[in-house]
Amino acid sequence: MAEEKLSYEQARDELTDVVKRLEAGGLTLEESLGLWERGERLAVICEEWLEGARARLAAATAPPENGEADAPAPF
C-alpha cells in the first residue's frame, strides 16, 4: 500500500470519525476490525506529524550553534 499523504488535520478528523463509528456499535466484527486497523494507521500518521512539529519547534528554539547568546528570538 502506498504511503498516504494526509495532512494532520485530515488524519485527525478521519480518526475522530472512525472512533465515533466504533463507539456507536452496530457493526459486524469484520467492519469493526477494518475500522480499528484504519484508526491505527491514522494514529501513526498523526503521531508522525506531531513528532515533526516537535522537531521543528526544538530546532527553532535551540540556542545558536555559533555561541551567540544575545541572538534574537526566532519569533
N, C-alpha and C. Protein backbone atom coordinates (compact mmCIF):
# COMPACT_ATOMS: atom_id res chain seq x y z
N MET A 1 0.85 -1.19 0.00
CA MET A 1 0.00 0.00 0.00
C MET A 1 0.89 1.25 0.00
N ALA A 2 0.57 2.18 -0.86
CA ALA A 2 1.34 3.42 -0.93
C ALA A 2 1.09 4.26 0.32
N GLU A 3 2.12 4.96 0.73
CA GLU A 3 2.00 5.83 1.91
C GLU A 3 1.02 6.96 1.60
N GLU A 4 0.08 7.15 2.50
CA GLU A 4 -0.91 8.20 2.32
C GLU A 4 -0.33 9.56 2.63
N LYS A 5 -0.75 10.56 1.90
CA LYS A 5 -0.27 11.92 2.10
C LYS A 5 -1.40 12.77 2.68
N LEU A 6 -1.83 12.43 3.87
CA LEU A 6 -2.87 13.20 4.54
C LEU A 6 -2.22 14.28 5.39
N SER A 7 -2.89 15.41 5.47
CA SER A 7 -2.44 16.43 6.42
C SER A 7 -2.78 15.94 7.83
N TYR A 8 -2.20 16.60 8.81
CA TYR A 8 -2.51 16.25 10.19
C TYR A 8 -4.01 16.39 10.44
N GLU A 9 -4.58 17.50 9.97
CA GLU A 9 -5.99 17.77 10.20
C GLU A 9 -6.89 16.73 9.53
N GLN A 10 -6.53 16.32 8.31
CA GLN A 10 -7.31 15.30 7.62
C GLN A 10 -7.27 13.97 8.38
N ALA A 11 -6.08 13.57 8.80
CA ALA A 11 -5.94 12.31 9.53
C ALA A 11 -6.67 12.38 10.87
N ARG A 12 -6.54 13.49 11.57
CA ARG A 12 -7.20 13.65 12.87
C ARG A 12 -8.71 13.59 12.72
N ASP A 13 -9.25 14.30 11.72
CA ASP A 13 -10.70 14.32 11.52
C ASP A 13 -11.23 12.94 11.15
N GLU A 14 -10.50 12.24 10.27
CA GLU A 14 -10.94 10.90 9.91
C GLU A 14 -10.85 9.96 11.10
N LEU A 15 -9.80 10.10 11.90
CA LEU A 15 -9.66 9.28 13.10
C LEU A 15 -10.83 9.52 14.06
N THR A 16 -11.23 10.76 14.19
CA THR A 16 -12.38 11.09 15.04
C THR A 16 -13.64 10.39 14.53
N ASP A 17 -13.83 10.39 13.22
CA ASP A 17 -14.99 9.71 12.63
C ASP A 17 -14.93 8.20 12.87
N VAL A 18 -13.75 7.62 12.74
CA VAL A 18 -13.59 6.18 12.98
C VAL A 18 -13.97 5.85 14.41
N VAL A 19 -13.49 6.63 15.36
CA VAL A 19 -13.80 6.38 16.77
C VAL A 19 -15.30 6.49 17.01
N LYS A 20 -15.94 7.50 16.45
CA LYS A 20 -17.39 7.66 16.61
C LYS A 20 -18.15 6.46 16.07
N ARG A 21 -17.73 5.97 14.91
CA ARG A 21 -18.41 4.81 14.32
C ARG A 21 -18.22 3.57 15.17
N LEU A 22 -17.01 3.38 15.70
CA LEU A 22 -16.76 2.23 16.56
C LEU A 22 -17.57 2.33 17.86
N GLU A 23 -17.63 3.52 18.43
CA GLU A 23 -18.38 3.72 19.68
C GLU A 23 -19.88 3.54 19.48
N ALA A 24 -20.38 3.87 18.29
CA ALA A 24 -21.81 3.76 18.03
C ALA A 24 -22.25 2.30 17.97
N GLY A 25 -21.32 1.42 17.62
CA GLY A 25 -21.65 0.00 17.57
C GLY A 25 -22.49 -0.35 16.35
N GLY A 26 -23.07 -1.54 16.38
CA GLY A 26 -23.92 -1.98 15.29
C GLY A 26 -23.15 -2.47 14.08
N LEU A 27 -21.85 -2.65 14.20
CA LEU A 27 -21.02 -3.10 13.09
C LEU A 27 -20.75 -4.59 13.21
N THR A 28 -20.46 -5.20 12.09
CA THR A 28 -20.03 -6.60 12.13
C THR A 28 -18.61 -6.64 12.68
N LEU A 29 -18.19 -7.82 13.05
CA LEU A 29 -16.83 -7.98 13.54
C LEU A 29 -15.83 -7.56 12.47
N GLU A 30 -16.07 -7.96 11.24
CA GLU A 30 -15.18 -7.62 10.14
C GLU A 30 -15.12 -6.10 9.93
N GLU A 31 -16.26 -5.43 9.99
CA GLU A 31 -16.29 -3.97 9.85
C GLU A 31 -15.53 -3.30 10.99
N SER A 32 -15.76 -3.79 12.19
CA SER A 32 -15.08 -3.23 13.36
C SER A 32 -13.57 -3.39 13.26
N LEU A 33 -13.13 -4.57 12.84
CA LEU A 33 -11.69 -4.80 12.69
C LEU A 33 -11.10 -3.91 11.60
N GLY A 34 -11.81 -3.73 10.50
CA GLY A 34 -11.33 -2.85 9.44
C GLY A 34 -11.21 -1.42 9.92
N LEU A 35 -12.21 -0.96 10.67
CA LEU A 35 -12.15 0.41 11.20
C LEU A 35 -11.02 0.55 12.22
N TRP A 36 -10.85 -0.45 13.06
CA TRP A 36 -9.77 -0.41 14.05
C TRP A 36 -8.42 -0.30 13.35
N GLU A 37 -8.21 -1.11 12.32
CA GLU A 37 -6.94 -1.06 11.59
C GLU A 37 -6.75 0.30 10.92
N ARG A 38 -7.81 0.86 10.36
CA ARG A 38 -7.73 2.18 9.74
C ARG A 38 -7.37 3.22 10.82
N GLY A 39 -8.01 3.12 11.97
CA GLY A 39 -7.71 4.03 13.07
C GLY A 39 -6.25 3.95 13.51
N GLU A 40 -5.69 2.75 13.55
CA GLU A 40 -4.29 2.58 13.90
C GLU A 40 -3.39 3.29 12.89
N ARG A 41 -3.68 3.14 11.60
CA ARG A 41 -2.88 3.80 10.56
C ARG A 41 -2.99 5.32 10.68
N LEU A 42 -4.20 5.80 10.93
CA LEU A 42 -4.41 7.25 11.08
C LEU A 42 -3.68 7.78 12.30
N ALA A 43 -3.68 7.03 13.39
CA ALA A 43 -2.97 7.45 14.60
C ALA A 43 -1.47 7.57 14.33
N VAL A 44 -0.91 6.66 13.54
CA VAL A 44 0.51 6.71 13.19
C VAL A 44 0.79 7.97 12.37
N ILE A 45 -0.08 8.28 11.42
CA ILE A 45 0.10 9.48 10.60
C ILE A 45 0.08 10.73 11.49
N CYS A 46 -0.88 10.79 12.41
CA CYS A 46 -0.96 11.95 13.33
C CYS A 46 0.31 12.05 14.17
N GLU A 47 0.78 10.94 14.69
CA GLU A 47 1.97 10.94 15.54
C GLU A 47 3.20 11.40 14.75
N GLU A 48 3.30 10.97 13.49
CA GLU A 48 4.42 11.41 12.67
C GLU A 48 4.39 12.93 12.46
N TRP A 49 3.21 13.47 12.21
CA TRP A 49 3.08 14.93 12.06
C TRP A 49 3.48 15.64 13.35
N LEU A 50 3.01 15.12 14.49
CA LEU A 50 3.32 15.76 15.77
C LEU A 50 4.81 15.69 16.09
N GLU A 51 5.43 14.55 15.81
CA GLU A 51 6.88 14.43 16.04
C GLU A 51 7.64 15.41 15.15
N GLY A 52 7.21 15.57 13.91
CA GLY A 52 7.84 16.53 13.01
C GLY A 52 7.70 17.95 13.52
N ALA A 53 6.52 18.27 14.04
CA ALA A 53 6.29 19.61 14.58
C ALA A 53 7.16 19.85 15.81
N ARG A 54 7.27 18.83 16.68
CA ARG A 54 8.13 18.96 17.86
C ARG A 54 9.58 19.20 17.46
N ALA A 55 10.05 18.47 16.45
CA ALA A 55 11.43 18.62 16.00
C ALA A 55 11.66 20.02 15.43
N ARG A 56 10.71 20.52 14.66
CA ARG A 56 10.84 21.86 14.09
C ARG A 56 10.84 22.92 15.18
N LEU A 57 9.99 22.75 16.19
CA LEU A 57 9.94 23.69 17.29
C LEU A 57 11.24 23.66 18.08
N ALA A 58 11.76 22.48 18.32
CA ALA A 58 13.03 22.37 19.05
C ALA A 58 14.15 23.04 18.27
N ALA A 59 14.18 22.85 16.96
CA ALA A 59 15.22 23.47 16.14
C ALA A 59 15.08 24.99 16.14
N ALA A 60 13.84 25.48 16.13
CA ALA A 60 13.61 26.93 16.09
C ALA A 60 13.95 27.60 17.41
N THR A 61 13.85 26.88 18.50
CA THR A 61 14.10 27.48 19.82
C THR A 61 15.46 27.10 20.40
N ALA A 62 16.24 26.31 19.66
CA ALA A 62 17.56 25.92 20.15
C ALA A 62 18.50 27.12 20.12
N PRO A 63 19.46 27.17 21.06
CA PRO A 63 20.44 28.25 21.04
C PRO A 63 21.27 28.18 19.75
N PRO A 64 21.73 29.31 19.27
CA PRO A 64 22.52 29.31 18.04
C PRO A 64 23.80 28.49 18.22
N GLU A 65 24.21 27.84 17.15
CA GLU A 65 25.40 26.99 17.22
C GLU A 65 26.69 27.78 17.33
N ASN A 66 26.69 29.04 16.91
CA ASN A 66 27.92 29.82 16.93
C ASN A 66 28.18 30.46 18.29
N GLY A 67 27.34 30.16 19.26
CA GLY A 67 27.57 30.62 20.62
C GLY A 67 27.08 32.03 20.91
N GLU A 68 26.36 32.64 20.01
CA GLU A 68 25.85 33.99 20.26
C GLU A 68 24.65 33.92 21.19
N ALA A 69 24.85 34.25 22.43
CA ALA A 69 23.78 34.16 23.42
C ALA A 69 22.78 35.30 23.28
N ASP A 70 23.15 36.40 22.63
CA ASP A 70 22.26 37.54 22.52
C ASP A 70 21.48 37.58 21.20
N ALA A 71 21.39 36.44 20.53
CA ALA A 71 20.66 36.39 19.26
C ALA A 71 19.17 36.61 19.54
N PRO A 72 18.45 37.26 18.63
CA PRO A 72 17.03 37.48 18.84
C PRO A 72 16.25 36.18 18.82
N ALA A 73 15.10 36.18 19.45
CA ALA A 73 14.23 35.00 19.47
C ALA A 73 13.74 34.73 18.06
N PRO A 74 13.49 33.45 17.72
CA PRO A 74 13.10 33.10 16.36
C PRO A 74 11.71 33.58 15.98
N PHE A 75 10.90 34.06 16.92
CA PHE A 75 9.58 34.57 16.58
C PHE A 75 9.21 35.73 17.42
